[in-house]
C-alpha atoms as a PDB file:
ATOM      1  CA  MET A   1     -19.406  54.616   6.945  1.00  0.00           C
ATOM      2  CA  ALA A   2     -21.853  51.795   6.344  1.00  0.00           C
ATOM      3  CA  ARG A   3     -21.205  49.828   3.437  1.00  0.00           C
ATOM      4  CA  PHE A   4     -23.915  49.556   0.765  1.00  0.00           C
ATOM      5  CA  LEU A   5     -24.409  45.667   0.041  1.00  0.00           C
ATOM      6  CA  GLY A   6     -26.491  46.427  -3.182  1.00  0.00           C
ATOM      7  CA  ALA A   7     -29.674  45.445  -4.652  1.00  0.00           C
ATOM      8  CA  THR A   8     -30.499  41.605  -3.672  1.00  0.00           C
ATOM      9  CA  ALA A   9     -33.256  39.430  -5.057  1.00  0.00           C
ATOM     10  CA  ALA A  10     -34.519  35.894  -4.234  1.00  0.00           C
ATOM     11  CA  LYS A  11     -35.226  33.794  -6.984  1.00  0.00           C
ATOM     12  CA  GLY A  12     -38.616  34.999  -8.355  1.00  0.00           C
ATOM     13  CA  GLY A  13     -38.768  37.749  -5.681  1.00  0.00           C
ATOM     14  CA  VAL A  14     -38.448  41.377  -5.509  1.00  0.00           C
ATOM     15  CA  PRO A  15     -35.093  43.170  -5.066  1.00  0.00           C
ATOM     16  CA  SER A  16     -34.465  44.746  -1.819  1.00  0.00           C
ATOM     17  CA  VAL A  17     -31.578  47.256  -0.499  1.00  0.00           C
ATOM     18  CA  THR A  18     -29.472  46.207   2.351  1.00  0.00           C
ATOM     19  CA  ILE A  19     -27.463  48.644   4.297  1.00  0.00           C
ATOM     20  CA  VAL A  20     -25.163  47.589   7.218  1.00  0.00           C
ATOM     21  CA  SER A  21     -26.052  49.819  10.076  1.00  0.00           C
ATOM     22  CA  THR A  22     -23.613  51.507  12.112  1.00  0.00           C
ATOM     23  CA  THR A  23     -23.360  53.697  15.377  1.00  0.00           C
ATOM     24  CA  PRO A  24     -22.293  57.295  15.784  1.00  0.00           C
ATOM     25  CA  TYR A  25     -18.721  57.937  16.801  1.00  0.00           C
ATOM     26  CA  THR A  26     -16.506  60.788  17.673  1.00  0.00           C
ATOM     27  CA  ARG A  27     -12.777  61.457  16.578  1.00  0.00           C
ATOM     28  CA  SER A  28     -11.634  60.535  20.134  1.00  0.00           C
ATOM     29  CA  THR A  29     -13.272  57.112  20.257  1.00  0.00           C
ATOM     30  CA  GLY A  30     -14.161  55.916  16.559  1.00  0.00           C
ATOM     31  CA  ILE A  31     -11.089  56.867  14.372  1.00  0.00           C
ATOM     32  CA  THR A  32      -7.529  56.083  14.729  1.00  0.00           C
ATOM     33  CA  THR A  33      -4.786  57.743  12.474  1.00  0.00           C
ATOM     34  CA  ASP A  34      -1.053  57.353  11.882  1.00  0.00           C
ATOM     35  CA  ALA A  35       1.585  60.013  12.099  1.00  0.00           C
ATOM     36  CA  SER A  36       0.691  61.256   8.573  1.00  0.00           C
ATOM     37  CA  ASN A  37      -2.944  61.711   9.644  1.00  0.00           C
ATOM     38  CA  ASN A  38      -3.876  58.650   7.305  1.00  0.00           C
ATOM     39  CA  VAL A  39      -7.036  56.654   8.858  1.00  0.00           C
ATOM     40  CA  THR A  40      -5.668  53.410  10.013  1.00  0.00           C
ATOM     41  CA  SER A  41      -8.755  52.238  11.663  1.00  0.00           C
ATOM     42  CA  ILE A  42     -12.586  53.083  12.322  1.00  0.00           C
ATOM     43  CA  THR A  43     -14.738  51.524  14.973  1.00  0.00           C
ATOM     44  CA  LEU A  44     -18.568  52.020  14.350  1.00  0.00           C
ATOM     45  CA  GLY A  45     -20.182  49.897  16.918  1.00  0.00           C
ATOM     46  CA  ASP A  46     -20.219  46.345  15.598  1.00  0.00           C
ATOM     47  CA  VAL A  47     -18.670  47.386  12.308  1.00  0.00           C
ATOM     48  CA  ILE A  48     -14.851  47.984  12.134  1.00  0.00           C
ATOM     49  CA  TYR A  49     -12.665  48.919   9.463  1.00  0.00           C
ATOM     50  CA  SER A  50      -8.875  48.198  10.353  1.00  0.00           C
ATOM     51  CA  SER A  51      -5.425  47.624   8.732  1.00  0.00           C
ATOM     52  CA  VAL A  52      -6.031  50.439   6.191  1.00  0.00           C
ATOM     53  CA  PHE A  53      -3.151  50.683   3.992  1.00  0.00           C
ATOM     54  CA  TYR A  54      -2.240  53.455   1.455  1.00  0.00           C
ATOM     55  CA  ASN A  55       0.048  53.875  -1.613  1.00  0.00           C
ATOM     56  CA  ASN A  56       2.766  56.532  -1.855  1.00  0.00           C
ATOM     57  CA  VAL A  57       0.176  59.133  -3.206  1.00  0.00           C
ATOM     58  CA  GLY A  58      -2.200  58.525  -0.145  1.00  0.00           C
ATOM     59  CA  LEU A  59      -4.847  56.376  -1.935  1.00  0.00           C
ATOM     60  CA  ILE A  60      -6.281  53.331   0.092  1.00  0.00           C
ATOM     61  CA  THR A  61      -4.959  50.102  -1.253  1.00  0.00           C
ATOM     62  CA  SER A  62      -6.318  47.573   1.023  1.00  0.00           C
ATOM     63  CA  TYR A  63      -8.437  47.298   4.357  1.00  0.00           C
ATOM     64  CA  THR A  64      -9.965  44.729   6.604  1.00  0.00           C
ATOM     65  CA  GLU A  65     -13.905  44.827   7.373  1.00  0.00           C
ATOM     66  CA  THR A  66     -15.062  43.079  10.320  1.00  0.00           C
ATOM     67  CA  ILE A  67     -18.947  42.944  10.760  1.00  0.00           C
ATOM     68  CA  SER A  68     -20.431  41.015  13.761  1.00  0.00           C
ATOM     69  CA  GLY A  69     -17.096  39.329  14.373  1.00  0.00           C
ATOM     70  CA  THR A  70     -16.507  38.237  10.679  1.00  0.00           C
ATOM     71  CA  SER A  71     -13.558  39.622   8.964  1.00  0.00           C
ATOM     72  CA  LYS A  72     -12.824  40.094   5.169  1.00  0.00           C
ATOM     73  CA  ASN A  73      -9.982  41.618   3.617  1.00  0.00           C
ATOM     74  CA  PHE A  74     -10.684  43.847   0.506  1.00  0.00           C
ATOM     75  CA  ALA A  75      -8.072  45.483  -2.084  1.00  0.00           C
ATOM     76  CA  LEU A  76      -8.870  48.577  -4.070  1.00  0.00           C
ATOM     77  CA  THR A  77      -7.529  49.448  -7.672  1.00  0.00           C
ATOM     78  CA  TYR A  78      -7.528  52.694  -9.403  1.00  0.00           C
ATOM     79  CA  ASP A  79      -7.537  53.884 -12.873  1.00  0.00           C
ATOM     80  CA  ALA A  80      -5.180  56.775 -14.284  1.00  0.00           C
ATOM     81  CA  ASP A  81      -7.396  59.477 -12.947  1.00  0.00           C
ATOM     82  CA  SER A  82      -7.173  57.929  -9.061  1.00  0.00           C
ATOM     83  CA  LYS A  83     -10.822  56.888  -9.385  1.00  0.00           C
ATOM     84  CA  VAL A  84     -11.828  53.541  -7.884  1.00  0.00           C
ATOM     85  CA  THR A  85     -12.181  50.688 -10.466  1.00  0.00           C
ATOM     86  CA  ALA A  86     -12.652  47.705  -8.319  1.00  0.00           C
ATOM     87  CA  ILE A  87     -12.981  46.759  -4.862  1.00  0.00           C
ATOM     88  CA  THR A  88     -12.000  43.039  -4.557  1.00  0.00           C
ATOM     89  CA  GLU A  89     -12.354  40.637  -1.752  1.00  0.00           C
ATOM     90  CA  VAL A  90      -8.834  39.036  -1.143  1.00  0.00           C
ATOM     91  CA  SER A  91      -7.902  36.025   1.110  1.00  0.00           C
END
């Protein structure tokens, strides 16, 4: 579950693709679930997704991503067909 950071380009440079590397995991060591079997956190080496929250129909509404000790919070919004329309960093 590495996060794709997208194409980046320095001024006048050639765009490059950056992907955050992760490590292999197993269900017993890398994923935590709640009583409803919803994922609440994932640890992939130095990358951690935690505080995963869901709405009443089981869609993820927010989560915290920690990479190399730096945490950022994100909120997800959906359209009427339950497709993600935006992932927004929130403070």
